[in-house]
All heavy atoms as atom14 arrays in JSON, in Angstrom:
{
  "sequence": "LKQRINVFERLLKNDTLYDPKAIERELPKQYRGLKGVDIFLEGDINV",
  "atom14_mask": [
    [1, 1, 1, 1, 1, 1, 1, 1, 0, 0, 0, 0, 0, 0],
    [1, 1, 1, 1, 1, 1, 1, 1, 1, 0, 0, 0, 0, 0],
    [1, 1, 1, 1, 1, 1, 1, 1, 1, 0, 0, 0, 0, 0],
    [1, 1, 1, 1, 1, 1, 1, 1, 1, 1, 1, 0, 0, 0],
    [1, 1, 1, 1, 1, 1, 1, 1, 0, 0, 0, 0, 0, 0],
    [1, 1, 1, 1, 1, 1, 1, 1, 0, 0, 0, 0, 0, 0],
    [1, 1, 1, 1, 1, 1, 1, 0, 0, 0, 0, 0, 0, 0],
    [1, 1, 1, 1, 1, 1, 1, 1, 1, 1, 1, 0, 0, 0],
    [1, 1, 1, 1, 1, 1, 1, 1, 1, 0, 0, 0, 0, 0],
    [1, 1, 1, 1, 1, 1, 1, 1, 1, 1, 1, 0, 0, 0],
    [1, 1, 1, 1, 1, 1, 1, 1, 0, 0, 0, 0, 0, 0],
    [1, 1, 1, 1, 1, 1, 1, 1, 0, 0, 0, 0, 0, 0],
    [1, 1, 1, 1, 1, 1, 1, 1, 1, 0, 0, 0, 0, 0],
    [1, 1, 1, 1, 1, 1, 1, 1, 0, 0, 0, 0, 0, 0],
    [1, 1, 1, 1, 1, 1, 1, 1, 0, 0, 0, 0, 0, 0],
    [1, 1, 1, 1, 1, 1, 1, 0, 0, 0, 0, 0, 0, 0],
    [1, 1, 1, 1, 1, 1, 1, 1, 0, 0, 0, 0, 0, 0],
    [1, 1, 1, 1, 1, 1, 1, 1, 1, 1, 1, 1, 0, 0],
    [1, 1, 1, 1, 1, 1, 1, 1, 0, 0, 0, 0, 0, 0],
    [1, 1, 1, 1, 1, 1, 1, 0, 0, 0, 0, 0, 0, 0],
    [1, 1, 1, 1, 1, 1, 1, 1, 1, 0, 0, 0, 0, 0],
    [1, 1, 1, 1, 1, 0, 0, 0, 0, 0, 0, 0, 0, 0],
    [1, 1, 1, 1, 1, 1, 1, 1, 0, 0, 0, 0, 0, 0],
    [1, 1, 1, 1, 1, 1, 1, 1, 1, 0, 0, 0, 0, 0],
    [1, 1, 1, 1, 1, 1, 1, 1, 1, 1, 1, 0, 0, 0],
    [1, 1, 1, 1, 1, 1, 1, 1, 1, 0, 0, 0, 0, 0],
    [1, 1, 1, 1, 1, 1, 1, 1, 0, 0, 0, 0, 0, 0],
    [1, 1, 1, 1, 1, 1, 1, 0, 0, 0, 0, 0, 0, 0],
    [1, 1, 1, 1, 1, 1, 1, 1, 1, 0, 0, 0, 0, 0],
    [1, 1, 1, 1, 1, 1, 1, 1, 1, 0, 0, 0, 0, 0],
    [1, 1, 1, 1, 1, 1, 1, 1, 1, 1, 1, 1, 0, 0],
    [1, 1, 1, 1, 1, 1, 1, 1, 1, 1, 1, 0, 0, 0],
    [1, 1, 1, 1, 0, 0, 0, 0, 0, 0, 0, 0, 0, 0],
    [1, 1, 1, 1, 1, 1, 1, 1, 0, 0, 0, 0, 0, 0],
    [1, 1, 1, 1, 1, 1, 1, 1, 1, 0, 0, 0, 0, 0],
    [1, 1, 1, 1, 0, 0, 0, 0, 0, 0, 0, 0, 0, 0],
    [1, 1, 1, 1, 1, 1, 1, 0, 0, 0, 0, 0, 0, 0],
    [1, 1, 1, 1, 1, 1, 1, 1, 0, 0, 0, 0, 0, 0],
    [1, 1, 1, 1, 1, 1, 1, 1, 0, 0, 0, 0, 0, 0],
    [1, 1, 1, 1, 1, 1, 1, 1, 1, 1, 1, 0, 0, 0],
    [1, 1, 1, 1, 1, 1, 1, 1, 0, 0, 0, 0, 0, 0],
    [1, 1, 1, 1, 1, 1, 1, 1, 1, 0, 0, 0, 0, 0],
    [1, 1, 1, 1, 0, 0, 0, 0, 0, 0, 0, 0, 0, 0],
    [1, 1, 1, 1, 1, 1, 1, 1, 0, 0, 0, 0, 0, 0],
    [1, 1, 1, 1, 1, 1, 1, 1, 0, 0, 0, 0, 0, 0],
    [1, 1, 1, 1, 1, 1, 1, 1, 0, 0, 0, 0, 0, 0],
    [1, 1, 1, 1, 1, 1, 1, 0, 0, 0, 0, 0, 0, 0]
  ],
  "atom14_positions": [
    [[-24.31, -18.13, 23.09], [-24.94, -17.79, 21.82], [-25.05, -16.29, 21.64], [-24.8, -15.76, 20.55], [-26.33, -18.43, 21.73], [-26.38, -19.93, 21.44], [-27.79, -20.46, 21.62], [-25.89, -20.22, 20.02], [0.0, 0.0, 0.0], [0.0, 0.0, 0.0], [0.0, 0.0, 0.0], [0.0, 0.0, 0.0], [0.0, 0.0, 0.0], [0.0, 0.0, 0.0]],
    [[-25.42, -15.57, 22.71], [-25.55, -14.12, 22.63], [-24.2, -13.48, 22.31], [-24.13, -12.53, 21.51], [-26.08, -13.57, 23.96], [-26.36, -12.07, 23.94], [-27.43, -11.72, 22.92], [-27.77, -10.24, 22.96], [-28.74, -9.87, 21.91], [0.0, 0.0, 0.0], [0.0, 0.0, 0.0], [0.0, 0.0, 0.0], [0.0, 0.0, 0.0], [0.0, 0.0, 0.0]],
    [[-23.15, -14.0, 22.91], [-21.81, -13.46, 22.64], [-21.42, -13.69, 21.17], [-20.89, -12.81, 20.51], [-20.8, -14.13, 23.57], [-19.38, -13.6, 23.47], [-18.5, -14.41, 22.55], [-18.82, -15.55, 22.21], [-17.39, -13.83, 22.13], [0.0, 0.0, 0.0], [0.0, 0.0, 0.0], [0.0, 0.0, 0.0], [0.0, 0.0, 0.0], [0.0, 0.0, 0.0]],
    [[-21.71, -14.88, 20.65], [-21.41, -15.17, 19.25], [-22.22, -14.29, 18.31], [-21.72, -13.78, 17.31], [-21.68, -16.65, 18.94], [-20.65, -17.6, 19.52], [-21.0, -19.05, 19.24], [-21.03, -19.36, 17.81], [-19.94, -19.58, 17.07], [-18.74, -19.52, 17.63], [-20.06, -19.88, 15.8], [0.0, 0.0, 0.0], [0.0, 0.0, 0.0], [0.0, 0.0, 0.0]],
    [[-23.48, -14.12, 18.63], [-24.36, -13.28, 17.81], [-23.83, -11.86, 17.75], [-23.76, -11.24, 16.68], [-25.8, -13.31, 18.35], [-26.44, -14.68, 18.08], [-26.65, -12.22, 17.72], [-27.72, -14.93, 18.83], [0.0, 0.0, 0.0], [0.0, 0.0, 0.0], [0.0, 0.0, 0.0], [0.0, 0.0, 0.0], [0.0, 0.0, 0.0], [0.0, 0.0, 0.0]],
    [[-23.39, -11.33, 18.89], [-22.86, -9.96, 18.93], [-21.59, -9.84, 18.08], [-21.41, -8.85, 17.36], [-22.56, -9.56, 20.37], [-23.82, -9.33, 21.19], [-24.89, -9.09, 20.63], [-23.71, -9.4, 22.5], [0.0, 0.0, 0.0], [0.0, 0.0, 0.0], [0.0, 0.0, 0.0], [0.0, 0.0, 0.0], [0.0, 0.0, 0.0], [0.0, 0.0, 0.0]],
    [[-20.73, -10.85, 18.18], [-19.48, -10.83, 17.4], [-19.78, -10.85, 15.91], [-19.23, -10.06, 15.13], [-18.58, -12.02, 17.79], [-17.42, -12.17, 16.79], [-18.03, -11.84, 19.19], [0.0, 0.0, 0.0], [0.0, 0.0, 0.0], [0.0, 0.0, 0.0], [0.0, 0.0, 0.0], [0.0, 0.0, 0.0], [0.0, 0.0, 0.0], [0.0, 0.0, 0.0]],
    [[-20.66, -11.77, 15.49], [-20.99, -11.89, 14.06], [-21.66, -10.62, 13.54], [-21.36, -10.17, 12.43], [-21.89, -13.1, 13.83], [-21.22, -14.42, 14.04], [-21.94, -15.51, 14.52], [-19.87, -14.59, 13.77], [-21.32, -16.73, 14.73], [-19.25, -15.8, 13.97], [-19.97, -16.88, 14.46], [0.0, 0.0, 0.0], [0.0, 0.0, 0.0], [0.0, 0.0, 0.0]],
    [[-22.56, -10.04, 14.32], [-23.26, -8.83, 13.87], [-22.29, -7.67, 13.72], [-22.39, -6.9, 12.75], [-24.39, -8.49, 14.85], [-25.58, -9.43, 14.75], [-26.7, -9.09, 15.72], [-26.42, -8.41, 16.74], [-27.85, -9.5, 15.48], [0.0, 0.0, 0.0], [0.0, 0.0, 0.0], [0.0, 0.0, 0.0], [0.0, 0.0, 0.0], [0.0, 0.0, 0.0]],
    [[-21.37, -7.52, 14.66], [-20.38, -6.43, 14.54], [-19.47, -6.65, 13.34], [-19.14, -5.71, 12.61], [-19.54, -6.35, 15.82], [-20.28, -5.77, 17.02], [-19.31, -5.33, 18.1], [-18.5, -6.44, 18.59], [-18.83, -7.21, 19.6], [-19.97, -7.01, 20.24], [-18.04, -8.19, 19.99], [0.0, 0.0, 0.0], [0.0, 0.0, 0.0], [0.0, 0.0, 0.0]],
    [[-19.06, -7.91, 13.14], [-18.18, -8.22, 12.02], [-18.85, -7.92, 10.69], [-18.27, -7.27, 9.81], [-17.75, -9.68, 12.08], [-16.88, -10.19, 10.92], [-15.59, -9.4, 10.82], [-16.58, -11.68, 11.08], [0.0, 0.0, 0.0], [0.0, 0.0, 0.0], [0.0, 0.0, 0.0], [0.0, 0.0, 0.0], [0.0, 0.0, 0.0], [0.0, 0.0, 0.0]],
    [[-20.09, -8.38, 10.53], [-20.79, -8.17, 9.27], [-21.08, -6.69, 9.02], [-21.05, -6.22, 7.88], [-22.1, -8.97, 9.26], [-21.94, -10.5, 9.22], [-23.27, -11.18, 9.42], [-21.31, -10.95, 7.91], [0.0, 0.0, 0.0], [0.0, 0.0, 0.0], [0.0, 0.0, 0.0], [0.0, 0.0, 0.0], [0.0, 0.0, 0.0], [0.0, 0.0, 0.0]],
    [[-21.32, -5.95, 10.1], [-21.6, -4.52, 9.96], [-20.37, -3.75, 9.51], [-20.46, -2.81, 8.7], [-22.1, -3.96, 11.29], [-22.44, -2.48, 11.25], [-22.94, -1.99, 12.6], [-23.24, -0.49, 12.56], [-23.71, 0.0, 13.9], [0.0, 0.0, 0.0], [0.0, 0.0, 0.0], [0.0, 0.0, 0.0], [0.0, 0.0, 0.0], [0.0, 0.0, 0.0]],
    [[-19.19, -4.15, 10.0], [-17.96, -3.4, 9.73], [-17.09, -4.02, 8.65], [-16.05, -3.46, 8.3], [-17.14, -3.27, 11.02], [-17.89, -2.52, 12.11], [-18.38, -1.42, 11.88], [-17.99, -3.11, 13.29], [0.0, 0.0, 0.0], [0.0, 0.0, 0.0], [0.0, 0.0, 0.0], [0.0, 0.0, 0.0], [0.0, 0.0, 0.0], [0.0, 0.0, 0.0]],
    [[-17.5, -5.18, 8.13], [-16.66, -5.9, 7.17], [-16.66, -5.21, 5.81], [-17.71, -4.94, 5.23], [-17.19, -7.34, 7.02], [-16.26, -8.19, 6.16], [-15.05, -7.92, 6.14], [-16.75, -9.15, 5.53], [0.0, 0.0, 0.0], [0.0, 0.0, 0.0], [0.0, 0.0, 0.0], [0.0, 0.0, 0.0], [0.0, 0.0, 0.0], [0.0, 0.0, 0.0]],
    [[-15.46, -4.93, 5.32], [-15.28, -4.39, 3.97], [-14.43, -5.37, 3.19], [-13.31, -5.7, 3.61], [-14.59, -3.01, 4.0], [-15.39, -2.1, 4.77], [-14.42, -2.46, 2.59], [0.0, 0.0, 0.0], [0.0, 0.0, 0.0], [0.0, 0.0, 0.0], [0.0, 0.0, 0.0], [0.0, 0.0, 0.0], [0.0, 0.0, 0.0], [0.0, 0.0, 0.0]],
    [[-14.93, -5.86, 2.08], [-14.19, -6.82, 1.29], [-13.01, -6.15, 0.59], [-13.15, -5.05, 0.05], [-15.11, -7.46, 0.25], [-16.35, -8.2, 0.79], [-17.13, -8.81, -0.36], [-15.96, -9.27, 1.79], [0.0, 0.0, 0.0], [0.0, 0.0, 0.0], [0.0, 0.0, 0.0], [0.0, 0.0, 0.0], [0.0, 0.0, 0.0], [0.0, 0.0, 0.0]],
    [[-11.87, -6.82, 0.63], [-10.69, -6.31, -0.05], [-10.74, -6.75, -1.51], [-10.59, -7.93, -1.82], [-9.41, -6.83, 0.61], [-8.17, -6.45, -0.15], [-7.69, -5.14, -0.11], [-7.48, -7.38, -0.91], [-6.56, -4.78, -0.82], [-6.35, -7.03, -1.63], [-5.89, -5.72, -1.58], [-4.77, -5.36, -2.28], [0.0, 0.0, 0.0], [0.0, 0.0, 0.0]],
    [[-10.97, -5.78, -2.4], [-11.13, -6.07, -3.82], [-10.23, -5.15, -4.63], [-10.53, -3.97, -4.83], [-12.58, -5.87, -4.23], [-12.83, -6.2, -5.7], [-11.89, -6.65, -6.37], [-13.97, -6.02, -6.16], [0.0, 0.0, 0.0], [0.0, 0.0, 0.0], [0.0, 0.0, 0.0], [0.0, 0.0, 0.0], [0.0, 0.0, 0.0], [0.0, 0.0, 0.0]],
    [[-9.06, -5.64, -5.09], [-8.14, -4.79, -5.86], [-8.79, -4.14, -7.08], [-8.48, -2.99, -7.42], [-7.02, -5.76, -6.27], [-7.06, -6.83, -5.23], [-8.51, -6.98, -4.88], [0.0, 0.0, 0.0], [0.0, 0.0, 0.0], [0.0, 0.0, 0.0], [0.0, 0.0, 0.0], [0.0, 0.0, 0.0], [0.0, 0.0, 0.0], [0.0, 0.0, 0.0]],
    [[-9.69, -4.85, -7.74], [-10.34, -4.29, -8.92], [-11.27, -3.15, -8.55], [-11.36, -2.15, -9.26], [-11.12, -5.4, -9.65], [-10.23, -6.48, -10.24], [-9.25, -5.91, -11.25], [-8.38, -6.99, -11.85], [-7.37, -6.42, -12.79], [0.0, 0.0, 0.0], [0.0, 0.0, 0.0], [0.0, 0.0, 0.0], [0.0, 0.0, 0.0], [0.0, 0.0, 0.0]],
    [[-11.98, -3.29, -7.45], [-12.85, -2.2, -7.0], [-12.03, -0.98, -6.58], [-12.42, 0.16, -6.84], [-13.71, -2.68, -5.82], [0.0, 0.0, 0.0], [0.0, 0.0, 0.0], [0.0, 0.0, 0.0], [0.0, 0.0, 0.0], [0.0, 0.0, 0.0], [0.0, 0.0, 0.0], [0.0, 0.0, 0.0], [0.0, 0.0, 0.0], [0.0, 0.0, 0.0]],
    [[-10.89, -1.23, -5.95], [-10.0, -0.13, -5.57], [-9.54, 0.63, -6.81], [-9.54, 1.86, -6.86], [-8.8, -0.66, -4.78], [-9.25, -1.21, -3.43], [-7.75, 0.43, -4.58], [-8.16, -1.93, -2.66], [0.0, 0.0, 0.0], [0.0, 0.0, 0.0], [0.0, 0.0, 0.0], [0.0, 0.0, 0.0], [0.0, 0.0, 0.0], [0.0, 0.0, 0.0]],
    [[-9.17, -0.13, -7.85], [-8.68, 0.49, -9.08], [-9.77, 1.36, -9.73], [-9.49, 2.44, -10.23], [-8.21, -0.58, -10.06], [-7.61, 0.01, -11.34], [-7.11, -1.07, -12.27], [-7.75, -2.14, -12.34], [-6.09, -0.84, -12.95], [0.0, 0.0, 0.0], [0.0, 0.0, 0.0], [0.0, 0.0, 0.0], [0.0, 0.0, 0.0], [0.0, 0.0, 0.0]],
    [[-11.02, 0.89, -9.69], [-12.1, 1.66, -10.3], [-12.33, 2.99, -9.58], [-12.84, 3.94, -10.19], [-13.4, 0.83, -10.29], [-13.4, -0.33, -11.27], [-14.79, -0.92, -11.43], [-15.27, -1.53, -10.21], [-15.07, -2.82, -9.9], [-14.39, -3.6, -10.72], [-15.56, -3.31, -8.77], [0.0, 0.0, 0.0], [0.0, 0.0, 0.0], [0.0, 0.0, 0.0]],
    [[-11.97, 3.06, -8.31], [-12.18, 4.29, -7.55], [-11.04, 5.29, -7.72], [-11.16, 6.45, -7.32], [-12.33, 3.95, -6.06], [-13.59, 3.14, -5.76], [-13.65, 2.73, -4.29], [-12.7, 3.06, -3.55], [-14.64, 2.07, -3.9], [0.0, 0.0, 0.0], [0.0, 0.0, 0.0], [0.0, 0.0, 0.0], [0.0, 0.0, 0.0], [0.0, 0.0, 0.0]],
    [[-9.93, 4.83, -8.32], [-8.77, 5.71, -8.49], [-8.94, 6.6, -9.72], [-9.65, 6.26, -10.66], [-7.51, 4.86, -8.65], [-7.07, 4.03, -7.44], [-5.9, 3.12, -7.83], [-6.68, 4.93, -6.28], [0.0, 0.0, 0.0], [0.0, 0.0, 0.0], [0.0, 0.0, 0.0], [0.0, 0.0, 0.0], [0.0, 0.0, 0.0], [0.0, 0.0, 0.0]],
    [[-8.28, 7.77, -9.74], [-8.25, 8.59, -10.96], [-7.64, 7.8, -12.11], [-6.86, 6.86, -11.9], [-7.36, 9.76, -10.55], [-7.43, 9.82, -9.06], [-7.59, 8.4, -8.61], [0.0, 0.0, 0.0], [0.0, 0.0, 0.0], [0.0, 0.0, 0.0], [0.0, 0.0, 0.0], [0.0, 0.0, 0.0], [0.0, 0.0, 0.0], [0.0, 0.0, 0.0]],
    [[-7.98, 8.17, -13.34], [-7.57, 7.41, -14.51], [-6.06, 7.22, -14.59], [-5.57, 6.19, -15.04], [-8.07, 8.1, -15.78], [-9.57, 8.03, -15.95], [-9.99, 8.69, -17.26], [-11.51, 8.61, -17.44], [-11.94, 9.25, -18.71], [0.0, 0.0, 0.0], [0.0, 0.0, 0.0], [0.0, 0.0, 0.0], [0.0, 0.0, 0.0], [0.0, 0.0, 0.0]],
    [[-5.29, 8.23, -14.17], [-3.84, 8.15, -14.31], [-3.21, 7.09, -13.42], [-2.04, 6.73, -13.6], [-3.19, 9.51, -14.03], [-3.41, 10.06, -12.62], [-4.63, 10.95, -12.52], [-5.59, 10.77, -13.29], [-4.59, 11.91, -11.62], [0.0, 0.0, 0.0], [0.0, 0.0, 0.0], [0.0, 0.0, 0.0], [0.0, 0.0, 0.0], [0.0, 0.0, 0.0]],
    [[-3.98, 6.56, -12.45], [-3.43, 5.54, -11.57], [-3.88, 4.13, -11.95], [-3.45, 3.16, -11.33], [-3.87, 5.81, -10.12], [-3.2, 7.0, -9.5], [-3.85, 8.23, -9.45], [-1.92, 6.92, -8.97], [-3.25, 9.34, -8.89], [-1.31, 8.02, -8.4], [-1.98, 9.23, -8.36], [-1.39, 10.33, -7.8], [0.0, 0.0, 0.0], [0.0, 0.0, 0.0]],
    [[-4.73, 4.01, -12.93], [-5.28, 2.71, -13.28], [-4.34, 1.94, -14.22], [-3.42, 2.49, -14.78], [-6.65, 2.86, -13.94], [-7.68, 3.52, -13.03], [-9.0, 3.72, -13.75], [-9.93, 4.53, -12.96], [-11.08, 4.99, -13.4], [-11.47, 4.7, -14.63], [-11.84, 5.72, -12.62], [0.0, 0.0, 0.0], [0.0, 0.0, 0.0], [0.0, 0.0, 0.0]],
    [[-4.64, 0.62, -14.37], [-3.88, -0.2, -15.29], [-2.55, -0.68, -14.75], [-1.61, -0.91, -15.5], [0.0, 0.0, 0.0], [0.0, 0.0, 0.0], [0.0, 0.0, 0.0], [0.0, 0.0, 0.0], [0.0, 0.0, 0.0], [0.0, 0.0, 0.0], [0.0, 0.0, 0.0], [0.0, 0.0, 0.0], [0.0, 0.0, 0.0], [0.0, 0.0, 0.0]],
    [[-2.46, -0.85, -13.43], [-1.22, -1.33, -12.82], [-1.02, -2.79, -13.19], [-1.86, -3.64, -12.95], [-1.29, -1.16, -11.3], [-0.05, -1.57, -10.5], [1.12, -0.65, -10.85], [-0.34, -1.51, -9.01], [0.0, 0.0, 0.0], [0.0, 0.0, 0.0], [0.0, 0.0, 0.0], [0.0, 0.0, 0.0], [0.0, 0.0, 0.0], [0.0, 0.0, 0.0]],
    [[0.13, -3.1, -13.79], [0.43, -4.46, -14.22], [1.7, -4.97, -13.54], [2.55, -4.19, -13.12], [0.62, -4.51, -15.76], [-0.57, -4.01, -16.56], [-1.77, -4.93, -16.4], [-2.95, -4.46, -17.26], [-4.13, -5.3, -17.08], [0.0, 0.0, 0.0], [0.0, 0.0, 0.0], [0.0, 0.0, 0.0], [0.0, 0.0, 0.0], [0.0, 0.0, 0.0]],
    [[1.8, -6.28, -13.45], [3.03, -6.88, -12.95], [3.23, -6.76, -11.45], [4.32, -7.01, -10.95], [0.0, 0.0, 0.0], [0.0, 0.0, 0.0], [0.0, 0.0, 0.0], [0.0, 0.0, 0.0], [0.0, 0.0, 0.0], [0.0, 0.0, 0.0], [0.0, 0.0, 0.0], [0.0, 0.0, 0.0], [0.0, 0.0, 0.0], [0.0, 0.0, 0.0]],
    [[2.2, -6.38, -10.72], [2.3, -6.27, -9.27], [1.24, -7.15, -8.64], [0.06, -7.06, -8.99], [2.12, -4.8, -8.81], [2.18, -4.71, -7.29], [3.18, -3.9, -9.45], [0.0, 0.0, 0.0], [0.0, 0.0, 0.0], [0.0, 0.0, 0.0], [0.0, 0.0, 0.0], [0.0, 0.0, 0.0], [0.0, 0.0, 0.0], [0.0, 0.0, 0.0]],
    [[1.66, -7.99, -7.73], [0.71, -8.9, -7.08], [0.07, -8.19, -5.9], [0.68, -8.02, -4.85], [1.43, -10.16, -6.61], [0.46, -11.21, -6.09], [-0.76, -10.97, -6.18], [0.92, -12.25, -5.61], [0.0, 0.0, 0.0], [0.0, 0.0, 0.0], [0.0, 0.0, 0.0], [0.0, 0.0, 0.0], [0.0, 0.0, 0.0], [0.0, 0.0, 0.0]],
    [[-1.16, -7.75, -6.08], [-1.87, -7.05, -5.01], [-3.05, -7.85, -4.51], [-3.92, -7.34, -3.81], [-2.34, -5.65, -5.49], [-3.2, -5.77, -6.75], [-1.16, -4.73, -5.72], [-3.78, -4.45, -7.23], [0.0, 0.0, 0.0], [0.0, 0.0, 0.0], [0.0, 0.0, 0.0], [0.0, 0.0, 0.0], [0.0, 0.0, 0.0], [0.0, 0.0, 0.0]],
    [[-3.07, -9.14, -4.86], [-4.14, -10.01, -4.39], [-3.72, -10.69, -3.09], [-2.53, -10.88, -2.83], [-4.49, -11.07, -5.44], [-5.28, -10.52, -6.59], [-4.65, -9.88, -7.64], [-6.66, -10.63, -6.61], [-5.38, -9.36, -8.69], [-7.4, -10.11, -7.67], [-6.76, -9.47, -8.71], [0.0, 0.0, 0.0], [0.0, 0.0, 0.0], [0.0, 0.0, 0.0]],
    [[-4.69, -11.06, -2.29], [-4.41, -11.79, -1.05], [-3.75, -13.13, -1.37], [-4.02, -13.75, -2.4], [-5.7, -12.03, -0.27], [-6.29, -10.82, 0.46], [-7.69, -11.15, 0.97], [-5.41, -10.4, 1.62], [0.0, 0.0, 0.0], [0.0, 0.0, 0.0], [0.0, 0.0, 0.0], [0.0, 0.0, 0.0], [0.0, 0.0, 0.0], [0.0, 0.0, 0.0]],
    [[-2.88, -13.57, -0.46], [-2.19, -14.83, -0.64], [-3.2, -15.96, -0.82], [-4.16, -16.09, -0.07], [-1.32, -15.12, 0.58], [-0.53, -16.41, 0.47], [0.31, -16.67, 1.72], [0.33, -15.8, 2.62], [0.91, -17.75, 1.8], [0.0, 0.0, 0.0], [0.0, 0.0, 0.0], [0.0, 0.0, 0.0], [0.0, 0.0, 0.0], [0.0, 0.0, 0.0]],
    [[-2.96, -16.78, -1.85], [-3.85, -17.91, -2.12], [-4.97, -17.58, -3.08], [-5.59, -18.48, -3.64], [0.0, 0.0, 0.0], [0.0, 0.0, 0.0], [0.0, 0.0, 0.0], [0.0, 0.0, 0.0], [0.0, 0.0, 0.0], [0.0, 0.0, 0.0], [0.0, 0.0, 0.0], [0.0, 0.0, 0.0], [0.0, 0.0, 0.0], [0.0, 0.0, 0.0]],
    [[-5.25, -16.29, -3.27], [-6.29, -15.9, -4.22], [-5.73, -15.93, -5.64], [-4.59, -15.51, -5.89], [-6.79, -14.48, -3.93], [-7.74, -14.45, -2.75], [-7.97, -15.52, -2.16], [-8.25, -13.37, -2.41], [0.0, 0.0, 0.0], [0.0, 0.0, 0.0], [0.0, 0.0, 0.0], [0.0, 0.0, 0.0], [0.0, 0.0, 0.0], [0.0, 0.0, 0.0]],
    [[-6.53, -16.42, -6.56], [-6.11, -16.47, -7.96], [-6.76, -15.31, -8.7], [-7.97, -15.08, -8.57], [-6.52, -17.81, -8.6], [-5.71, -18.95, -7.96], [-6.31, -17.79, -10.11], [-6.09, -20.32, -8.47], [0.0, 0.0, 0.0], [0.0, 0.0, 0.0], [0.0, 0.0, 0.0], [0.0, 0.0, 0.0], [0.0, 0.0, 0.0], [0.0, 0.0, 0.0]],
    [[-5.97, -14.61, -9.46], [-6.49, -13.55, -10.31], [-7.17, -14.21, -11.51], [-6.51, -14.8, -12.37], [-5.34, -12.65, -10.77], [-5.83, -11.43, -11.54], [-6.86, -11.49, -12.2], [-5.08, -10.36, -11.47], [0.0, 0.0, 0.0], [0.0, 0.0, 0.0], [0.0, 0.0, 0.0], [0.0, 0.0, 0.0], [0.0, 0.0, 0.0], [0.0, 0.0, 0.0]],
    [[-8.48, -14.15, -11.55], [-9.25, -14.86, -12.57], [-8.83, -14.44, -13.98], [-8.61, -15.29, -14.86], [-10.76, -14.64, -12.36], [-11.56, -15.29, -13.49], [-11.21, -15.19, -11.01], [0.0, 0.0, 0.0], [0.0, 0.0, 0.0], [0.0, 0.0, 0.0], [0.0, 0.0, 0.0], [0.0, 0.0, 0.0], [0.0, 0.0, 0.0], [0.0, 0.0, 0.0]]
  ]
}
Protein backbone atom coordinates (compact mmCIF):
# COMPACT_ATOMS: atom_id res chain seq x y z
CA LEU A 1 0.00 0.00 0.00
CA LYS A 2 2.81 2.42 0.86
CA GLN A 3 4.46 1.76 -2.50
CA ARG A 4 1.17 2.40 -4.33
CA ILE A 5 0.53 5.56 -2.34
CA ASN A 6 4.00 6.89 -3.23
CA VAL A 7 3.48 6.14 -6.93
CA PHE A 8 0.05 7.81 -7.03
CA GLU A 9 1.25 10.88 -5.11
CA ARG A 10 4.23 11.39 -7.43
CA LEU A 11 2.05 10.91 -10.50
CA LEU A 12 -0.59 13.38 -9.37
CA LYS A 13 2.06 15.92 -8.38
CA ASN A 14 3.82 15.78 -11.75
CA ASP A 15 0.85 15.07 -14.02
CA THR A 16 0.17 17.68 -16.69
CA LEU A 17 -2.91 17.16 -18.83
CA TYR A 18 -2.34 17.28 -22.57
CA ASP A 19 -4.83 19.85 -23.84
CA PRO A 20 -4.37 21.11 -27.43
CA LYS A 21 -6.79 23.98 -26.82
CA ALA A 22 -4.90 25.14 -23.73
CA ILE A 23 -1.65 24.95 -25.69
CA GLU A 24 -3.15 27.11 -28.43
CA ARG A 25 -4.28 29.75 -25.91
CA GLU A 26 -0.70 30.07 -24.66
CA LEU A 27 0.72 30.65 -28.14
CA PRO A 28 1.17 34.10 -29.74
CA LYS A 29 -1.78 35.15 -31.90
CA GLN A 30 0.05 34.45 -35.16
CA TYR A 31 0.26 30.75 -34.29
CA ARG A 32 -3.38 30.24 -33.36
CA GLY A 33 -6.23 28.86 -35.47
CA LEU A 34 -4.49 25.74 -36.75
CA LYS A 35 -7.00 23.76 -38.82
CA GLY A 36 -6.95 20.41 -40.56
CA VAL A 37 -4.31 18.88 -38.29
CA ASP A 38 -5.12 16.10 -35.87
CA ILE A 39 -3.32 17.02 -32.66
CA PHE A 40 -5.62 15.14 -30.31
CA LEU A 41 -4.68 11.90 -28.58
CA GLU A 42 -5.73 8.74 -30.36
CA GLY A 43 -9.32 7.84 -29.48
CA ASP A 44 -10.15 11.34 -28.25
CA ILE A 45 -12.98 13.10 -30.05
CA ASN A 46 -12.71 16.78 -30.78
CA VAL A 47 -15.99 18.01 -29.29
